[in-house]
C-alpha atoms as a PDB file:
ATOM      1  CA  UNK A   1      55.903  52.182  80.236  1.00  0.00           C
ATOM      2  CA  UNK A   2      57.323  50.481  82.856  1.00  0.00           C
ATOM      3  CA  UNK A   3      60.101  51.171  85.475  1.00  0.00           C
ATOM      4  CA  UNK A   4      63.445  49.914  83.535  1.00  0.00           C
ATOM      5  CA  UNK A   5      65.098  49.441  86.887  1.00  0.00           C
ATOM      6  CA  UNK A   6      62.068  46.897  88.068  1.00  0.00           C
ATOM      7  CA  UNK A   7      63.257  42.997  86.896  1.00  0.00           C
ATOM      8  CA  UNK A   8      59.931  40.755  86.742  1.00  0.00           C
ATOM      9  CA  UNK A   9      60.484  37.370  89.135  1.00  0.00           C
ATOM     10  CA  UNK A  10      59.833  35.277  85.665  1.00  0.00           C
ATOM     11  CA  UNK A  11      62.537  36.989  83.960  1.00  0.00           C
ATOM     12  CA  UNK A  12      65.120  36.062  86.912  1.00  0.00           C
ATOM     13  CA  UNK A  13      64.032  32.343  86.806  1.00  0.00           C
ATOM     14  CA  UNK A  14      64.332  32.282  83.089  1.00  0.00           C
ATOM     15  CA  UNK A  15      67.611  34.104  82.984  1.00  0.00           C
ATOM     16  CA  UNK A  16      68.922  31.114  85.782  1.00  0.00           C
ATOM     17  CA  UNK A  17      67.533  28.505  83.916  1.00  0.00           C
ATOM     18  CA  UNK A  18      69.472  29.784  80.920  1.00  0.00           C
ATOM     19  CA  UNK A  19      72.760  30.127  82.707  1.00  0.00           C
ATOM     20  CA  UNK A  20      72.027  26.095  84.133  1.00  0.00           C
ATOM     21  CA  UNK A  21      71.274  25.018  80.516  1.00  0.00           C
ATOM     22  CA  UNK A  22      74.490  27.026  79.069  1.00  0.00           C
ATOM     23  CA  UNK A  23      76.612  24.471  81.042  1.00  0.00           C
ATOM     24  CA  UNK A  24      74.870  21.706  80.128  1.00  0.00           C
ATOM     25  CA  UNK A  25      74.577  21.769  76.641  1.00  0.00           C
ATOM     26  CA  UNK A  26      78.360  22.540  76.718  1.00  0.00           C
ATOM     27  CA  UNK A  27      78.019  18.738  77.624  1.00  0.00           C
ATOM     28  CA  UNK A  28      76.310  17.643  74.879  1.00  0.00           C
ATOM     29  CA  UNK A  29      78.147  15.685  72.034  1.00  0.00           C
ATOM     30  CA  UNK A  30      79.322  17.737  69.594  1.00  0.00           C
ATOM     31  CA  UNK A  31      76.770  16.832  66.865  1.00  0.00           C
ATOM     32  CA  UNK A  32      73.495  17.232  69.575  1.00  0.00           C
ATOM     33  CA  UNK A  33      75.597  20.444  70.634  1.00  0.00           C
ATOM     34  CA  UNK A  34      75.020  22.769  67.461  1.00  0.00           C
ATOM     35  CA  UNK A  35      71.502  21.317  66.530  1.00  0.00           C
ATOM     36  CA  UNK A  36      69.277  20.726  69.727  1.00  0.00           C
ATOM     37  CA  UNK A  37      71.087  22.076  71.824  1.00  0.00           C
ATOM     38  CA  UNK A  38      71.840  25.137  70.097  1.00  0.00           C
ATOM     39  CA  UNK A  39      67.761  25.227  69.202  1.00  0.00           C
ATOM     40  CA  UNK A  40      67.013  25.223  73.210  1.00  0.00           C
ATOM     41  CA  UNK A  41      69.841  28.082  73.505  1.00  0.00           C
ATOM     42  CA  UNK A  42      67.908  30.072  71.022  1.00  0.00           C
ATOM     43  CA  UNK A  43      64.425  29.763  72.815  1.00  0.00           C
ATOM     44  CA  UNK A  44      65.892  30.524  75.648  1.00  0.00           C
ATOM     45  CA  UNK A  45      67.364  33.833  74.510  1.00  0.00           C
ATOM     46  CA  UNK A  46      64.098  34.496  72.677  1.00  0.00           C
ATOM     47  CA  UNK A  47      61.943  33.932  75.652  1.00  0.00           C
ATOM     48  CA  UNK A  48      64.179  36.347  78.120  1.00  0.00           C
ATOM     49  CA  UNK A  49      64.209  38.595  74.916  1.00  0.00           C
ATOM     50  CA  UNK A  50      60.277  38.560  75.063  1.00  0.00           C
ATOM     51  CA  UNK A  51      59.790  38.845  78.820  1.00  0.00           C
ATOM     52  CA  UNK A  52      61.930  41.886  78.981  1.00  0.00           C
ATOM     53  CA  UNK A  53      60.154  43.269  76.037  1.00  0.00           C
ATOM     54  CA  UNK A  54      56.687  42.775  77.472  1.00  0.00           C
ATOM     55  CA  UNK A  55      58.369  44.483  80.883  1.00  0.00           C
ATOM     56  CA  UNK A  56      58.693  48.067  78.697  1.00  0.00           C
ATOM     57  CA  UNK A  57      56.204  47.628  76.588  1.00  0.00           C
ATOM     58  CA  UNK A  58      52.906  49.692  77.387  1.00  0.00           C
ATOM     59  CA  UNK A  59      49.533  47.922  78.287  1.00  0.00           C
ATOM     60  CA  UNK A  60      47.535  47.784  75.382  1.00  0.00           C
ATOM     61  CA  UNK A  61      51.078  46.460  73.642  1.00  0.00           C
ATOM     62  CA  UNK A  62      52.437  43.913  75.945  1.00  0.00           C
ATOM     63  CA  UNK A  63      49.602  41.027  75.486  1.00  0.00           C
ATOM     64  CA  UNK A  64      51.335  39.861  71.877  1.00  0.00           C
ATOM     65  CA  UNK A  65      54.747  39.651  72.990  1.00  0.00           C
ATOM     66  CA  UNK A  66      53.461  37.512  76.191  1.00  0.00           C
ATOM     67  CA  UNK A  67      51.918  35.234  73.406  1.00  0.00           C
ATOM     68  CA  UNK A  68      55.553  35.025  71.971  1.00  0.00           C
ATOM     69  CA  UNK A  69      57.059  34.189  75.129  1.00  0.00           C
ATOM     70  CA  UNK A  70      54.449  31.589  76.093  1.00  0.00           C
ATOM     71  CA  UNK A  71      54.965  29.543  72.759  1.00  0.00           C
ATOM     72  CA  UNK A  72      58.708  29.981  73.171  1.00  0.00           C
ATOM     73  CA  UNK A  73      58.143  28.277  76.502  1.00  0.00           C
ATOM     74  CA  UNK A  74      55.584  25.763  74.984  1.00  0.00           C
ATOM     75  CA  UNK A  75      59.072  25.174  72.643  1.00  0.00           C
ATOM     76  CA  UNK A  76      61.480  24.866  75.111  1.00  0.00           C
ATOM     77  CA  UNK A  77      59.593  22.294  77.269  1.00  0.00           C
ATOM     78  CA  UNK A  78      59.390  19.961  73.940  1.00  0.00           C
ATOM     79  CA  UNK A  79      63.102  20.488  73.337  1.00  0.00           C
ATOM     80  CA  UNK A  80      63.516  19.436  77.296  1.00  0.00           C
ATOM     81  CA  UNK A  81      61.898  16.513  76.467  1.00  0.00           C
ATOM     82  CA  UNK A  82      63.394  15.440  73.284  1.00  0.00           C
ATOM     83  CA  UNK A  83      66.932  16.070  74.831  1.00  0.00           C
ATOM     84  CA  UNK A  84      65.648  13.458  77.373  1.00  0.00           C
ATOM     85  CA  UNK A  85      64.671  10.711  75.235  1.00  0.00           C
ATOM     86  CA  UNK A  86      68.224  11.277  73.437  1.00  0.00           C
ATOM     87  CA  UNK A  87      69.979  10.445  76.556  1.00  0.00           C
ATOM     88  CA  UNK A  88      71.935  13.802  76.582  1.00  0.00           C
ATOM     89  CA  UNK A  89      70.473  14.667  79.735  1.00  0.00           C
ATOM     90  CA  UNK A  90      69.747  12.483  82.951  1.00  0.00           C
ATOM     91  CA  UNK A  91      65.949  12.176  84.015  1.00  0.00           C
ATOM     92  CA  UNK A  92      66.891  14.225  87.482  1.00  0.00           C
ATOM     93  CA  UNK A  93      68.273  17.163  85.048  1.00  0.00           C
ATOM     94  CA  UNK A  94      64.893  16.837  82.762  1.00  0.00           C
ATOM     95  CA  UNK A  95      62.471  16.630  86.185  1.00  0.00           C
ATOM     96  CA  UNK A  96      64.610  20.226  87.142  1.00  0.00           C
ATOM     97  CA  UNK A  97      64.377  21.748  84.064  1.00  0.00           C
ATOM     98  CA  UNK A  98      60.699  20.528  82.995  1.00  0.00           C
ATOM     99  CA  UNK A  99      59.643  21.953  86.901  1.00  0.00           C
ATOM    100  CA  UNK A 100      61.681  25.046  86.133  1.00  0.00           C
ATOM    101  CA  UNK A 101      60.097  25.946  82.944  1.00  0.00           C
ATOM    102  CA  UNK A 102      56.050  24.935  83.588  1.00  0.00           C
ATOM    103  CA  UNK A 103      56.872  27.161  86.529  1.00  0.00           C
ATOM    104  CA  UNK A 104      57.927  30.253  84.203  1.00  0.00           C
ATOM    105  CA  UNK A 105      55.106  29.100  81.549  1.00  0.00           C
ATOM    106  CA  UNK A 106      52.847  29.656  84.646  1.00  0.00           C
ATOM    107  CA  UNK A 107      53.787  32.910  85.609  1.00  0.00           C
ATOM    108  CA  UNK A 108      53.750  33.531  82.013  1.00  0.00           C
ATOM    109  CA  UNK A 109      49.940  32.460  81.858  1.00  0.00           C
ATOM    110  CA  UNK A 110      49.509  34.755  84.943  1.00  0.00           C
ATOM    111  CA  UNK A 111      50.641  37.503  83.542  1.00  0.00           C
ATOM    112  CA  UNK A 112      48.631  37.448  80.273  1.00  0.00           C
ATOM    113  CA  UNK A 113      45.607  37.216  82.051  1.00  0.00           C
ATOM    114  CA  UNK A 114      46.391  39.878  84.533  1.00  0.00           C
ATOM    115  CA  UNK A 115      46.992  41.621  81.312  1.00  0.00           C
ATOM    116  CA  UNK A 116      43.718  40.949  79.931  1.00  0.00           C
ATOM    117  CA  UNK A 117      41.774  41.992  83.148  1.00  0.00           C
ATOM    118  CA  UNK A 118      43.356  45.402  83.134  1.00  0.00           C
END
């Protein structure tokens, strides 16, 4: 098992992204806050959960969890784009969020490759 005190950088970045989005979702119109806003929040929380589980999992069981995390990351990308298209977030916010979630996705992809090569 992994050291429980070790927190991977990808987890820190996802955690910070959630905190940023939490305040942004509060500004969504009520109708959107409880639909797309809730969906974004749920997927990001599940992404944090999957990264945490992968970090503490034994090596042989880690890859399937990382694939789930990667899928959650992809879903978040789509939800961010939808939020932008519905004018729930600004162009600047969309670019910033997309950049952060893409970086997180690349880190997860790298972790998957590393796990396969071990």
